[in-house]
Amino acid sequence: GEIVEVKLERDGKEIVIKNTLTPAFTKGKAIKR
């Protein structure tokens, strides 16, 4: 729910990306071959 602002330099120009965070989740409980 927090809004984060990330500043990047892309192709010599500074840009700002704003995004609202969403909950992290996973569907699995293990990794297996």
Full PDB file with SEQRES, HELIX, SHEET, SSBOND, CRYST1, ORIGX, SCALE, CONECT and MASTER records, all heavy atoms in Angstrom:
SEQRES   1 A   33  GLY GLU ILE VAL GLU VAL LYS LEU GLU ARG ASP GLY LYS          
SEQRES   2 A   33  GLU ILE VAL ILE LYS ASN THR LEU THR PRO ALA PHE THR          
SEQRES   3 A   33  LYS GLY LYS ALA ILE LYS ARG                                  
SHEET    1 AA1 2 ILE A   3  ARG A  10  0                                        
SHEET    2 AA1 2 LYS A  13  THR A  20 -1                                        
CRYST1    1.000    1.000    1.000  90.00  90.00  90.00 P 1           1          
ORIGX1      1.000000  0.000000  0.000000        0.00000                         
ORIGX2      0.000000  1.000000  0.000000        0.00000                         
ORIGX3      0.000000  0.000000  1.000000        0.00000                         
SCALE1      1.000000  0.000000  0.000000        0.00000                         
SCALE2      0.000000  1.000000  0.000000        0.00000                         
SCALE3      0.000000  0.000000  1.000000        0.00000                         
ATOM      1  N   GLY A   1       0.795  -1.214   0.000  1.00  0.00           N  
ATOM      2  CA  GLY A   1       0.000   0.000   0.000  1.00  0.00           C  
ATOM      3  C   GLY A   1       0.834   1.274   0.000  1.00  0.00           C  
ATOM      4  O   GLY A   1       0.334   2.347  -0.343  1.00  0.00           O  
ATOM      5  N   GLU A   2       2.102   1.164   0.400  1.00  0.00           N  
ATOM      6  CA  GLU A   2       2.970   2.341   0.379  1.00  0.00           C  
ATOM      7  C   GLU A   2       3.308   2.706  -1.062  1.00  0.00           C  
ATOM      8  O   GLU A   2       3.434   1.842  -1.920  1.00  0.00           O  
ATOM      9  CB  GLU A   2       4.284   2.081   1.126  1.00  0.00           C  
ATOM     10  CG  GLU A   2       4.155   2.048   2.616  1.00  0.00           C  
ATOM     11  CD  GLU A   2       5.521   1.924   3.288  1.00  0.00           C  
ATOM     12  OE1 GLU A   2       6.374   2.813   3.077  1.00  0.00           O  
ATOM     13  OE2 GLU A   2       5.720   0.926   3.984  1.00  0.00           O  
ATOM     14  N   ILE A   3       3.463   3.998  -1.295  1.00  0.00           N  
ATOM     15  CA  ILE A   3       3.890   4.467  -2.608  1.00  0.00           C  
ATOM     16  C   ILE A   3       5.395   4.708  -2.532  1.00  0.00           C  
ATOM     17  O   ILE A   3       5.869   5.419  -1.646  1.00  0.00           O  
ATOM     18  CB  ILE A   3       3.154   5.749  -3.014  1.00  0.00           C  
ATOM     19  CG1 ILE A   3       1.646   5.464  -3.125  1.00  0.00           C  
ATOM     20  CG2 ILE A   3       3.700   6.300  -4.320  1.00  0.00           C  
ATOM     21  CD1 ILE A   3       0.802   6.696  -3.340  1.00  0.00           C  
ATOM     22  N   VAL A   4       6.133   4.089  -3.432  1.00  0.00           N  
ATOM     23  CA  VAL A   4       7.583   4.273  -3.461  1.00  0.00           C  
ATOM     24  C   VAL A   4       7.967   5.011  -4.737  1.00  0.00           C  
ATOM     25  O   VAL A   4       7.294   4.923  -5.755  1.00  0.00           O  
ATOM     26  CB  VAL A   4       8.354   2.929  -3.368  1.00  0.00           C  
ATOM     27  CG1 VAL A   4       8.107   2.266  -2.044  1.00  0.00           C  
ATOM     28  CG2 VAL A   4       7.986   1.996  -4.503  1.00  0.00           C  
ATOM     29  N   GLU A   5       9.052   5.746  -4.634  1.00  0.00           N  
ATOM     30  CA  GLU A   5       9.555   6.525  -5.748  1.00  0.00           C  
ATOM     31  C   GLU A   5      11.006   6.116  -5.966  1.00  0.00           C  
ATOM     32  O   GLU A   5      11.820   6.191  -5.053  1.00  0.00           O  
ATOM     33  CB  GLU A   5       9.466   8.004  -5.377  1.00  0.00           C  
ATOM     34  CG  GLU A   5       9.749   8.948  -6.494  1.00  0.00           C  
ATOM     35  CD  GLU A   5       9.485  10.383  -6.068  1.00  0.00           C  
ATOM     36  OE1 GLU A   5       8.309  10.776  -5.976  1.00  0.00           O  
ATOM     37  OE2 GLU A   5      10.476  11.089  -5.817  1.00  0.00           O  
ATOM     38  N   VAL A   6      11.316   5.660  -7.158  1.00  0.00           N  
ATOM     39  CA  VAL A   6      12.664   5.212  -7.486  1.00  0.00           C  
ATOM     40  C   VAL A   6      13.209   6.103  -8.593  1.00  0.00           C  
ATOM     41  O   VAL A   6      12.548   6.300  -9.613  1.00  0.00           O  
ATOM     42  CB  VAL A   6      12.674   3.734  -7.941  1.00  0.00           C  
ATOM     43  CG1 VAL A   6      14.071   3.284  -8.295  1.00  0.00           C  
ATOM     44  CG2 VAL A   6      12.080   2.843  -6.859  1.00  0.00           C  
ATOM     45  N   LYS A   7      14.405   6.660  -8.361  1.00  0.00           N  
ATOM     46  CA  LYS A   7      15.044   7.495  -9.371  1.00  0.00           C  
ATOM     47  C   LYS A   7      16.082   6.664 -10.107  1.00  0.00           C  
ATOM     48  O   LYS A   7      16.906   5.997  -9.485  1.00  0.00           O  
ATOM     49  CB  LYS A   7      15.711   8.698  -8.726  1.00  0.00           C  
ATOM     50  CG  LYS A   7      14.743   9.648  -8.088  1.00  0.00           C  
ATOM     51  CD  LYS A   7      15.454  10.817  -7.454  1.00  0.00           C  
ATOM     52  CE  LYS A   7      14.458  11.714  -6.739  1.00  0.00           C  
ATOM     53  NZ  LYS A   7      15.124  12.845  -6.085  1.00  0.00           N  
ATOM     54  N   LEU A   8      16.024   6.697 -11.429  1.00  0.00           N  
ATOM     55  CA  LEU A   8      16.954   5.961 -12.277  1.00  0.00           C  
ATOM     56  C   LEU A   8      17.579   6.900 -13.283  1.00  0.00           C  
ATOM     57  O   LEU A   8      17.010   7.925 -13.625  1.00  0.00           O  
ATOM     58  CB  LEU A   8      16.220   4.853 -13.056  1.00  0.00           C  
ATOM     59  CG  LEU A   8      15.415   3.830 -12.288  1.00  0.00           C  
ATOM     60  CD1 LEU A   8      14.621   2.981 -13.254  1.00  0.00           C  
ATOM     61  CD2 LEU A   8      16.333   2.971 -11.460  1.00  0.00           C  
ATOM     62  N   GLU A   9      18.763   6.524 -13.745  1.00  0.00           N  
ATOM     63  CA  GLU A   9      19.335   7.209 -14.885  1.00  0.00           C  
ATOM     64  C   GLU A   9      19.265   6.243 -16.052  1.00  0.00           C  
ATOM     65  O   GLU A   9      19.810   5.146 -15.993  1.00  0.00           O  
ATOM     66  CB  GLU A   9      20.781   7.605 -14.619  1.00  0.00           C  
ATOM     67  CG  GLU A   9      21.380   8.387 -15.763  1.00  0.00           C  
ATOM     68  CD  GLU A   9      22.790   8.819 -15.488  1.00  0.00           C  
ATOM     69  OE1 GLU A   9      23.045   9.377 -14.399  1.00  0.00           O  
ATOM     70  OE2 GLU A   9      23.645   8.574 -16.356  1.00  0.00           O  
ATOM     71  N   ARG A  10      18.557   6.614 -17.078  1.00  0.00           N  
ATOM     72  CA  ARG A  10      18.365   5.746 -18.237  1.00  0.00           C  
ATOM     73  C   ARG A  10      18.740   6.529 -19.493  1.00  0.00           C  
ATOM     74  O   ARG A  10      18.176   7.578 -19.757  1.00  0.00           O  
ATOM     75  CB  ARG A  10      16.925   5.264 -18.298  1.00  0.00           C  
ATOM     76  CG  ARG A  10      16.676   4.287 -19.437  1.00  0.00           C  
ATOM     77  CD  ARG A  10      15.286   3.733 -19.394  1.00  0.00           C  
ATOM     78  NE  ARG A  10      15.162   2.810 -18.274  1.00  0.00           N  
ATOM     79  CZ  ARG A  10      13.997   2.442 -17.755  1.00  0.00           C  
ATOM     80  NH1 ARG A  10      12.878   2.913 -18.231  1.00  0.00           N  
ATOM     81  NH2 ARG A  10      13.968   1.596 -16.753  1.00  0.00           N  
ATOM     82  N   ASP A  11      19.697   5.997 -20.232  1.00  0.00           N  
ATOM     83  CA  ASP A  11      20.172   6.650 -21.454  1.00  0.00           C  
ATOM     84  C   ASP A  11      20.572   8.098 -21.206  1.00  0.00           C  
ATOM     85  O   ASP A  11      20.269   8.997 -21.988  1.00  0.00           O  
ATOM     86  CB  ASP A  11      19.119   6.574 -22.568  1.00  0.00           C  
ATOM     87  CG  ASP A  11      18.860   5.141 -23.013  1.00  0.00           C  
ATOM     88  OD1 ASP A  11      19.805   4.315 -22.932  1.00  0.00           O  
ATOM     89  OD2 ASP A  11      17.739   4.840 -23.438  1.00  0.00           O  
ATOM     90  N   GLY A  12      21.237   8.330 -20.063  1.00  0.00           N  
ATOM     91  CA  GLY A  12      21.733   9.666 -19.745  1.00  0.00           C  
ATOM     92  C   GLY A  12      20.709  10.608 -19.157  1.00  0.00           C  
ATOM     93  O   GLY A  12      21.025  11.762 -18.871  1.00  0.00           O  
ATOM     94  N   LYS A  13      19.483  10.156 -18.961  1.00  0.00           N  
ATOM     95  CA  LYS A  13      18.432  11.012 -18.402  1.00  0.00           C  
ATOM     96  C   LYS A  13      17.944  10.419 -17.087  1.00  0.00           C  
ATOM     97  O   LYS A  13      17.780   9.217 -16.957  1.00  0.00           O  
ATOM     98  CB  LYS A  13      17.253  11.114 -19.363  1.00  0.00           C  
ATOM     99  CG  LYS A  13      17.591  11.753 -20.683  1.00  0.00           C  
ATOM    100  CD  LYS A  13      16.385  11.741 -21.603  1.00  0.00           C  
ATOM    101  CE  LYS A  13      16.756  12.249 -22.973  1.00  0.00           C  
ATOM    102  NZ  LYS A  13      15.647  12.120 -23.917  1.00  0.00           N  
ATOM    103  N   GLU A  14      17.706  11.292 -16.109  1.00  0.00           N  
ATOM    104  CA  GLU A  14      17.151  10.831 -14.839  1.00  0.00           C  
ATOM    105  C   GLU A  14      15.638  10.710 -14.995  1.00  0.00           C  
ATOM    106  O   GLU A  14      14.975  11.615 -15.500  1.00  0.00           O  
ATOM    107  CB  GLU A  14      17.469  11.806 -13.714  1.00  0.00           C  
ATOM    108  CG  GLU A  14      16.979  11.306 -12.364  1.00  0.00           C  
ATOM    109  CD  GLU A  14      17.360  12.228 -11.219  1.00  0.00           C  
ATOM    110  OE1 GLU A  14      18.564  12.406 -10.983  1.00  0.00           O  
ATOM    111  OE2 GLU A  14      16.434  12.763 -10.590  1.00  0.00           O  
ATOM    112  N   ILE A  15      15.104   9.567 -14.577  1.00  0.00           N  
ATOM    113  CA  ILE A  15      13.653   9.374 -14.592  1.00  0.00           C  
ATOM    114  C   ILE A  15      13.212   8.940 -13.208  1.00  0.00           C  
ATOM    115  O   ILE A  15      13.998   8.407 -12.427  1.00  0.00           O  
ATOM    116  CB  ILE A  15      13.209   8.343 -15.651  1.00  0.00           C  
ATOM    117  CG1 ILE A  15      13.787   6.965 -15.351  1.00  0.00           C  
ATOM    118  CG2 ILE A  15      13.580   8.789 -17.036  1.00  0.00           C  
ATOM    119  CD1 ILE A  15      13.169   5.860 -16.179  1.00  0.00           C  
ATOM    120  N   VAL A  16      11.961   9.181 -12.900  1.00  0.00           N  
ATOM    121  CA  VAL A  16      11.383   8.792 -11.612  1.00  0.00           C  
ATOM    122  C   VAL A  16      10.240   7.832 -11.885  1.00  0.00           C  
ATOM    123  O   VAL A  16       9.359   8.118 -12.690  1.00  0.00           O  
ATOM    124  CB  VAL A  16      10.874  10.017 -10.829  1.00  0.00           C  
ATOM    125  CG1 VAL A  16      10.226   9.592  -9.525  1.00  0.00           C  
ATOM    126  CG2 VAL A  16      12.017  10.995 -10.583  1.00  0.00           C  
ATOM    127  N   ILE A  17      10.275   6.693 -11.207  1.00  0.00           N  
ATOM    128  CA  ILE A  17       9.215   5.697 -11.322  1.00  0.00           C  
ATOM    129  C   ILE A  17       8.504   5.637  -9.978  1.00  0.00           C  
ATOM    130  O   ILE A  17       9.137   5.416  -8.949  1.00  0.00           O  
ATOM    131  CB  ILE A  17       9.784   4.314 -11.695  1.00  0.00           C  
ATOM    132  CG1 ILE A  17      10.474   4.386 -13.055  1.00  0.00           C  
ATOM    133  CG2 ILE A  17       8.684   3.260 -11.684  1.00  0.00           C  
ATOM    134  CD1 ILE A  17      11.217   3.137 -13.431  1.00  0.00           C  
ATOM    135  N   LYS A  18       7.194   5.845  -9.983  1.00  0.00           N  
ATOM    136  CA  LYS A  18       6.386   5.756  -8.762  1.00  0.00           C  
ATOM    137  C   LYS A  18       5.515   4.519  -8.865  1.00  0.00           C  
ATOM    138  O   LYS A  18       4.963   4.230  -9.928  1.00  0.00           O  
ATOM    139  CB  LYS A  18       5.504   6.986  -8.594  1.00  0.00           C  
ATOM    140  CG  LYS A  18       6.272   8.252  -8.343  1.00  0.00           C  
ATOM    141  CD  LYS A  18       5.332   9.429  -8.181  1.00  0.00           C  
ATOM    142  CE  LYS A  18       6.120  10.699  -7.993  1.00  0.00           C  
ATOM    143  NZ  LYS A  18       5.245  11.872  -7.851  1.00  0.00           N  
ATOM    144  N   ASN A  19       5.384   3.804  -7.759  1.00  0.00           N  
ATOM    145  CA  ASN A  19       4.579   2.591  -7.770  1.00  0.00           C  
ATOM    146  C   ASN A  19       4.012   2.340  -6.385  1.00  0.00           C  
ATOM    147  O   ASN A  19       4.647   2.655  -5.382  1.00  0.00           O  
ATOM    148  CB  ASN A  19       5.427   1.400  -8.214  1.00  0.00           C  
ATOM    149  CG  ASN A  19       4.591   0.248  -8.706  1.00  0.00           C  
ATOM    150  OD1 ASN A  19       3.376   0.338  -8.812  1.00  0.00           O  
ATOM    151  ND2 ASN A  19       5.241  -0.854  -9.005  1.00  0.00           N  
ATOM    152  N   THR A  20       2.823   1.771  -6.330  1.00  0.00           N  
ATOM    153  CA  THR A  20       2.217   1.360  -5.061  1.00  0.00           C  
ATOM    154  C   THR A  20       2.573  -0.094  -4.822  1.00  0.00           C  
ATOM    155  O   THR A  20       2.386  -0.945  -5.691  1.00  0.00           O  
ATOM    156  CB  THR A  20       0.683   1.521  -5.116  1.00  0.00           C  
ATOM    157  OG1 THR A  20       0.379   2.890  -5.414  1.00  0.00           O  
ATOM    158  CG2 THR A  20       0.058   1.154  -3.780  1.00  0.00           C  
ATOM    159  N   LEU A  21       3.106  -0.366  -3.644  1.00  0.00           N  
ATOM    160  CA  LEU A  21       3.536  -1.722  -3.330  1.00  0.00           C  
ATOM    161  C   LEU A  21       2.354  -2.656  -3.134  1.00  0.00           C  
ATOM    162  O   LEU A  21       1.313  -2.264  -2.613  1.00  0.00           O  
ATOM    163  CB  LEU A  21       4.396  -1.719  -2.059  1.00  0.00           C  
ATOM    164  CG  LEU A  21       5.672  -0.887  -2.132  1.00  0.00           C  
ATOM    165  CD1 LEU A  21       6.380  -0.916  -0.779  1.00  0.00           C  
ATOM    166  CD2 LEU A  21       6.583  -1.370  -3.225  1.00  0.00           C  
ATOM    167  N   THR A  22       2.529  -3.882  -3.564  1.00  0.00           N  
ATOM    168  CA  THR A  22       1.531  -4.932  -3.363  1.00  0.00           C  
ATOM    169  C   THR A  22       2.133  -6.002  -2.478  1.00  0.00           C  
ATOM    170  O   THR A  22       3.360  -6.091  -2.347  1.00  0.00           O  
ATOM    171  CB  THR A  22       1.111  -5.554  -4.712  1.00  0.00           C  
ATOM    172  OG1 THR A  22       2.269  -6.075  -5.358  1.00  0.00           O  
ATOM    173  CG2 THR A  22       0.457  -4.521  -5.613  1.00  0.00           C  
ATOM    174  N   PRO A  23       1.310  -6.838  -1.848  1.00  0.00           N  
ATOM    175  CA  PRO A  23       1.857  -7.881  -0.986  1.00  0.00           C  
ATOM    176  C   PRO A  23       2.698  -8.879  -1.783  1.00  0.00           C  
ATOM    177  O   PRO A  23       2.377  -9.211  -2.915  1.00  0.00           O  
ATOM    178  CB  PRO A  23       0.617  -8.586  -0.432  1.00  0.00           C  
ATOM    179  CG  PRO A  23      -0.520  -7.670  -0.680  1.00  0.00           C  
ATOM    180  CD  PRO A  23      -0.146  -6.827  -1.861  1.00  0.00           C  
ATOM    181  N   ALA A  24       3.779  -9.315  -1.166  1.00  0.00           N  
ATOM    182  CA  ALA A  24       4.588 -10.381  -1.764  1.00  0.00           C  
ATOM    183  C   ALA A  24       3.884 -11.707  -1.479  1.00  0.00           C  
ATOM    184  O   ALA A  24       3.238 -11.869  -0.444  1.00  0.00           O  
ATOM    185  CB  ALA A  24       5.979 -10.384  -1.150  1.00  0.00           C  
ATOM    186  N   PHE A  25       3.985 -12.630  -2.412  1.00  0.00           N  
ATOM    187  CA  PHE A  25       3.349 -13.919  -2.187  1.00  0.00           C  
ATOM    188  C   PHE A  25       4.090 -14.996  -2.948  1.00  0.00           C  
ATOM    189  O   PHE A  25       4.846 -14.723  -3.864  1.00  0.00           O  
ATOM    190  CB  PHE A  25       1.880 -13.904  -2.608  1.00  0.00           C  
ATOM    191  CG  PHE A  25       1.695 -13.753  -4.092  1.00  0.00           C  
ATOM    192  CD1 PHE A  25       1.597 -14.874  -4.910  1.00  0.00           C  
ATOM    193  CD2 PHE A  25       1.633 -12.508  -4.685  1.00  0.00           C  
ATOM    194  CE1 PHE A  25       1.437 -14.741  -6.281  1.00  0.00           C  
ATOM    195  CE2 PHE A  25       1.470 -12.367  -6.050  1.00  0.00           C  
ATOM    196  CZ  PHE A  25       1.375 -13.482  -6.848  1.00  0.00           C  
ATOM    197  N   THR A  26       3.852 -16.202  -2.557  1.00  0.00           N  
ATOM    198  CA  THR A  26       4.387 -17.352  -3.270  1.00  0.00           C  
ATOM    199  C   THR A  26       3.335 -18.444  -3.251  1.00  0.00           C  
ATOM    200  O   THR A  26       2.561 -18.551  -2.299  1.00  0.00           O  
ATOM    201  CB  THR A  26       5.715 -17.843  -2.669  1.00  0.00           C  
ATOM    202  OG1 THR A  26       6.186 -18.926  -3.441  1.00  0.00           O  
ATOM    203  CG2 THR A  26       5.549 -18.285  -1.230  1.00  0.00           C  
ATOM    204  N   LYS A  27       3.295 -19.222  -4.289  1.00  0.00           N  
ATOM    205  CA  LYS A  27       2.341 -20.323  -4.343  1.00  0.00           C  
ATOM    206  C   LYS A  27       2.959 -21.623  -3.865  1.00  0.00           C  
ATOM    207  O   LYS A  27       2.269 -22.509  -3.419  1.00  0.00           O  
ATOM    208  CB  LYS A  27       1.828 -20.495  -5.774  1.00  0.00           C  
ATOM    209  CG  LYS A  27       0.992 -19.328  -6.255  1.00  0.00           C  
ATOM    210  CD  LYS A  27       0.503 -19.569  -7.665  1.00  0.00           C  
ATOM    211  CE  LYS A  27      -0.301 -18.377  -8.154  1.00  0.00           C  
ATOM    212  NZ  LYS A  27      -0.807 -18.559  -9.506  1.00  0.00           N  
ATOM    213  N   GLY A  28       4.266 -21.735  -3.990  1.00  0.00           N  
ATOM    214  CA  GLY A  28       4.930 -22.986  -3.636  1.00  0.00           C  
ATOM    215  C   GLY A  28       5.547 -22.940  -2.261  1.00  0.00           C  
ATOM    216  O   GLY A  28       5.756 -21.888  -1.682  1.00  0.00           O  
ATOM    217  N   LYS A  29       5.836 -24.120  -1.749  1.00  0.00           N  
ATOM    218  CA  LYS A  29       6.475 -24.219  -0.437  1.00  0.00           C  
ATOM    219  C   LYS A  29       7.861 -24.839  -0.552  1.00  0.00           C  
ATOM    220  O   LYS A  29       8.580 -24.928   0.419  1.00  0.00           O  
ATOM    221  CB  LYS A  29       5.614 -25.032   0.510  1.00  0.00           C  
ATOM    222  CG  LYS A  29       4.289 -24.351   0.802  1.00  0.00           C  
ATOM    223  CD  LYS A  29       3.496 -25.094   1.830  1.00  0.00           C  
ATOM    224  CE  LYS A  29       2.201 -24.342   2.065  1.00  0.00           C  
ATOM    225  NZ  LYS A  29       1.480 -24.788   3.208  1.00  0.00           N  
ATOM    226  N   ALA A  30       8.227 -25.271  -1.762  1.00  0.00           N  
ATOM    227  CA  ALA A  30       9.524 -25.911  -1.950  1.00  0.00           C  
ATOM    228  C   ALA A  30       9.925 -25.832  -3.414  1.00  0.00           C  
ATOM    229  O   ALA A  30       9.089 -25.626  -4.290  1.00  0.00           O  
ATOM    230  CB  ALA A  30       9.456 -27.373  -1.511  1.00  0.00           C  
ATOM    231  N   ILE A  31      11.207 -25.988  -3.629  1.00  0.00           N  
ATOM    232  CA  ILE A  31      11.735 -26.087  -4.985  1.00  0.00           C  
ATOM    233  C   ILE A  31      12.307 -27.483  -5.127  1.00  0.00           C  
ATOM    234  O   ILE A  31      13.038 -27.947  -4.249  1.00  0.00           O  
ATOM    235  CB  ILE A  31      12.830 -25.044  -5.230  1.00  0.00           C  
ATOM    236  CG1 ILE A  31      12.239 -23.647  -5.145  1.00  0.00           C  
ATOM    237  CG2 ILE A  31      13.513 -25.265  -6.573  1.00  0.00           C  
ATOM    238  CD1 ILE A  31      13.268 -22.547  -5.261  1.00  0.00           C  
ATOM    239  N   LYS A  32      11.948 -28.155  -6.203  1.00  0.00           N  
ATOM    240  CA  LYS A  32      12.485 -29.497  -6.402  1.00  0.00           C  
ATOM    241  C   LYS A  32      12.745 -29.725  -7.884  1.00  0.00           C  
ATOM    242  O   LYS A  32      12.169 -29.078  -8.744  1.00  0.00           O  
ATOM    243  CB  LYS A  32      11.541 -30.557  -5.857  1.00  0.00           C  
ATOM    244  CG  LYS A  32      10.206 -30.626  -6.567  1.00  0.00           C  
ATOM    245  CD  LYS A  32       9.328 -31.710  -5.985  1.00  0.00           C  
ATOM    246  CE  LYS A  32       8.031 -31.791  -6.769  1.00  0.00           C  
ATOM    247  NZ  LYS A  32       7.203 -32.882  -6.311  1.00  0.00           N  
ATOM    248  N   ARG A  33      13.630 -30.631  -8.164  1.00  0.00           N  
ATOM    249  CA  ARG A  33      13.929 -30.988  -9.547  1.00  0.00           C  
ATOM    250  C   ARG A  33      12.791 -31.839 -10.102  1.00  0.00           C  
ATOM    251  O   ARG A  33      12.186 -32.618  -9.391  1.00  0.00           O  
ATOM    252  CB  ARG A  33      15.218 -31.792  -9.614  1.00  0.00           C  
ATOM    253  CG  ARG A  33      16.436 -31.011  -9.224  1.00  0.00           C  
ATOM    254  CD  ARG A  33      17.678 -31.892  -9.342  1.00  0.00           C  
ATOM    255  NE  ARG A  33      18.801 -31.270  -8.713  1.00  0.00           N  
ATOM    256  CZ  ARG A  33      19.673 -30.481  -9.347  1.00  0.00           C  
ATOM    257  NH1 ARG A  33      19.519 -30.230 -10.619  1.00  0.00           N  
ATOM    258  NH2 ARG A  33      20.682 -29.951  -8.702  1.00  0.00           N  
TER     259      ARG A  33                                                      
MASTER        0    0    0    0    2    0    0    6  258    1    0    3          
END                                                                             
